[in-house]
Amino acid sequence: MNLTVVNKEICVGHIRVLAVASSSVFLVGDSKVINCSSAFDTPPESVLVGPLVPLAHTR
């Protein structure tokens, strides 16, 4: 497979973001480095870490 990339100028006038997912990346243009980070909006004591409970099988 041959792939040819031609970088040209990009001009973005306005962006409106209504919502984001729990794991999302929004890119406009080129990126050389992407750093991952996370944040919780709940107190640390409310985060439950333990064995996973399997979900009920649905048909």
N, C-alpha and C. Protein backbone atom coordinates (compact mmCIF):
# COMPACT_ATOMS: atom_id res chain seq x y z
N MET A 1 0.84 -1.17 0.00
CA MET A 1 0.00 0.00 0.00
C MET A 1 0.89 1.24 0.00
N ASN A 2 0.64 2.16 -0.88
CA ASN A 2 1.35 3.44 -0.94
C ASN A 2 0.45 4.53 -0.38
N LEU A 3 1.03 5.37 0.48
CA LEU A 3 0.28 6.46 1.10
C LEU A 3 1.04 7.76 0.88
N THR A 4 0.37 8.74 0.32
CA THR A 4 0.96 10.06 0.10
C THR A 4 0.21 11.08 0.93
N VAL A 5 0.94 11.82 1.75
CA VAL A 5 0.35 12.85 2.61
C VAL A 5 0.84 14.20 2.14
N VAL A 6 -0.07 15.13 1.89
CA VAL A 6 0.28 16.49 1.50
C VAL A 6 -0.28 17.43 2.55
N ASN A 7 0.59 18.02 3.35
CA ASN A 7 0.16 18.95 4.39
C ASN A 7 -0.05 20.32 3.78
N LYS A 8 -1.22 20.87 3.99
CA LYS A 8 -1.55 22.21 3.51
C LYS A 8 -2.05 23.04 4.68
N GLU A 9 -2.27 24.29 4.46
CA GLU A 9 -2.71 25.20 5.50
C GLU A 9 -4.13 24.88 5.92
N ILE A 10 -4.40 25.01 7.22
CA ILE A 10 -5.75 24.79 7.74
C ILE A 10 -6.17 26.04 8.52
N CYS A 11 -7.41 26.44 8.35
CA CYS A 11 -7.93 27.62 9.04
C CYS A 11 -9.27 27.23 9.67
N VAL A 12 -9.34 27.23 10.99
CA VAL A 12 -10.55 26.87 11.72
C VAL A 12 -11.11 28.14 12.34
N GLY A 13 -12.33 28.48 11.97
CA GLY A 13 -12.93 29.71 12.48
C GLY A 13 -13.61 29.55 13.82
N HIS A 14 -14.37 28.46 14.02
CA HIS A 14 -15.15 28.30 15.24
C HIS A 14 -15.36 26.81 15.49
N ILE A 15 -15.22 26.40 16.75
CA ILE A 15 -15.48 25.01 17.15
C ILE A 15 -16.40 25.05 18.34
N ARG A 16 -17.44 24.24 18.31
CA ARG A 16 -18.37 24.13 19.43
C ARG A 16 -18.43 22.67 19.85
N VAL A 17 -18.03 22.39 21.08
CA VAL A 17 -18.06 21.03 21.62
C VAL A 17 -19.20 20.95 22.61
N LEU A 18 -20.14 20.05 22.37
CA LEU A 18 -21.31 19.90 23.25
C LEU A 18 -21.07 18.91 24.37
N ALA A 19 -20.29 17.86 24.11
CA ALA A 19 -20.04 16.85 25.12
C ALA A 19 -18.78 16.08 24.76
N VAL A 20 -18.19 15.45 25.75
CA VAL A 20 -17.04 14.58 25.51
C VAL A 20 -17.29 13.24 26.18
N ALA A 21 -16.64 12.22 25.66
CA ALA A 21 -16.76 10.88 26.24
C ALA A 21 -15.74 10.73 27.36
N SER A 22 -15.81 9.61 28.06
CA SER A 22 -14.87 9.38 29.14
C SER A 22 -13.45 9.18 28.61
N SER A 23 -13.32 8.79 27.38
CA SER A 23 -12.01 8.62 26.75
C SER A 23 -12.09 9.24 25.37
N SER A 24 -11.54 10.43 25.20
CA SER A 24 -11.68 11.11 23.92
C SER A 24 -10.47 11.98 23.62
N VAL A 25 -10.24 12.20 22.34
CA VAL A 25 -9.19 13.09 21.87
C VAL A 25 -9.80 13.96 20.78
N PHE A 26 -9.57 15.26 20.86
CA PHE A 26 -10.07 16.19 19.85
C PHE A 26 -8.87 16.87 19.22
N LEU A 27 -8.64 16.63 17.95
CA LEU A 27 -7.46 17.15 17.26
C LEU A 27 -7.88 18.05 16.11
N VAL A 28 -7.17 19.15 15.95
CA VAL A 28 -7.30 20.01 14.78
C VAL A 28 -5.89 20.27 14.31
N GLY A 29 -5.55 19.80 13.13
CA GLY A 29 -4.20 20.00 12.62
C GLY A 29 -3.27 18.88 13.02
N ASP A 30 -1.97 19.18 12.98
CA ASP A 30 -0.94 18.19 13.27
C ASP A 30 -0.62 18.15 14.75
N SER A 31 -0.17 16.98 15.21
CA SER A 31 0.27 16.80 16.59
C SER A 31 1.56 16.00 16.58
N LYS A 32 2.56 16.52 17.26
CA LYS A 32 3.81 15.78 17.39
C LYS A 32 3.79 14.93 18.65
N VAL A 33 3.17 15.43 19.72
CA VAL A 33 3.14 14.73 21.00
C VAL A 33 1.74 14.83 21.58
N ILE A 34 1.21 13.71 22.10
CA ILE A 34 -0.06 13.70 22.81
C ILE A 34 0.20 13.12 24.19
N ASN A 35 -0.10 13.88 25.23
CA ASN A 35 0.07 13.42 26.61
C ASN A 35 -1.27 13.00 27.18
N CYS A 36 -1.29 11.89 27.89
CA CYS A 36 -2.51 11.40 28.53
C CYS A 36 -2.56 11.89 29.97
N SER A 37 -3.75 12.27 30.41
CA SER A 37 -3.95 12.66 31.80
C SER A 37 -5.37 12.30 32.19
N SER A 38 -5.63 12.30 33.48
CA SER A 38 -6.98 11.99 33.95
C SER A 38 -7.32 12.85 35.15
N ALA A 39 -8.61 13.03 35.36
CA ALA A 39 -9.08 13.81 36.50
C ALA A 39 -10.39 13.22 36.99
N PHE A 40 -10.59 13.23 38.29
CA PHE A 40 -11.83 12.76 38.90
C PHE A 40 -12.57 13.95 39.48
N ASP A 41 -13.88 13.99 39.31
CA ASP A 41 -14.66 15.06 39.91
C ASP A 41 -15.35 14.59 41.18
N THR A 42 -14.94 13.44 41.69
CA THR A 42 -15.51 12.91 42.93
C THR A 42 -14.38 12.77 43.96
N PRO A 43 -14.70 12.77 45.24
CA PRO A 43 -13.66 12.59 46.26
C PRO A 43 -13.01 11.20 46.13
N PRO A 44 -11.74 11.07 46.46
CA PRO A 44 -11.05 9.77 46.32
C PRO A 44 -11.70 8.65 47.11
N GLU A 45 -12.31 8.95 48.25
CA GLU A 45 -12.91 7.88 49.07
C GLU A 45 -14.17 7.29 48.43
N SER A 46 -14.73 7.94 47.43
CA SER A 46 -15.93 7.39 46.78
C SER A 46 -15.60 6.49 45.60
N VAL A 47 -14.32 6.41 45.23
CA VAL A 47 -13.91 5.54 44.12
C VAL A 47 -13.74 4.13 44.65
N LEU A 48 -14.45 3.18 44.08
CA LEU A 48 -14.39 1.80 44.50
C LEU A 48 -13.41 1.03 43.63
N VAL A 49 -12.42 0.41 44.26
CA VAL A 49 -11.47 -0.42 43.53
C VAL A 49 -11.57 -1.81 44.14
N GLY A 50 -11.92 -2.79 43.33
CA GLY A 50 -12.06 -4.14 43.84
C GLY A 50 -12.42 -5.09 42.72
N PRO A 51 -12.88 -6.27 43.06
CA PRO A 51 -13.23 -7.25 42.02
C PRO A 51 -14.39 -6.75 41.16
N LEU A 52 -14.32 -7.05 39.89
CA LEU A 52 -15.36 -6.62 38.96
C LEU A 52 -16.57 -7.54 39.06
N VAL A 53 -17.75 -6.97 38.94
CA VAL A 53 -18.98 -7.73 38.96
C VAL A 53 -19.43 -7.90 37.51
N PRO A 54 -19.63 -9.15 37.05
CA PRO A 54 -20.03 -9.32 35.65
C PRO A 54 -21.42 -8.76 35.40
N LEU A 55 -21.61 -8.22 34.22
CA LEU A 55 -22.90 -7.69 33.82
C LEU A 55 -23.85 -8.82 33.48
N ALA A 56 -25.14 -8.61 33.69
CA ALA A 56 -26.14 -9.62 33.38
C ALA A 56 -26.23 -9.78 31.88
N HIS A 57 -26.37 -11.01 31.42
CA HIS A 57 -26.48 -11.29 30.00
C HIS A 57 -27.88 -10.88 29.51
N THR A 58 -27.93 -10.06 28.46
CA THR A 58 -29.21 -9.65 27.88
C THR A 58 -29.34 -10.23 26.49
N ARG A 59 -30.56 -10.46 26.08
CA ARG A 59 -30.81 -11.03 24.75
C ARG A 59 -31.37 -9.99 23.84
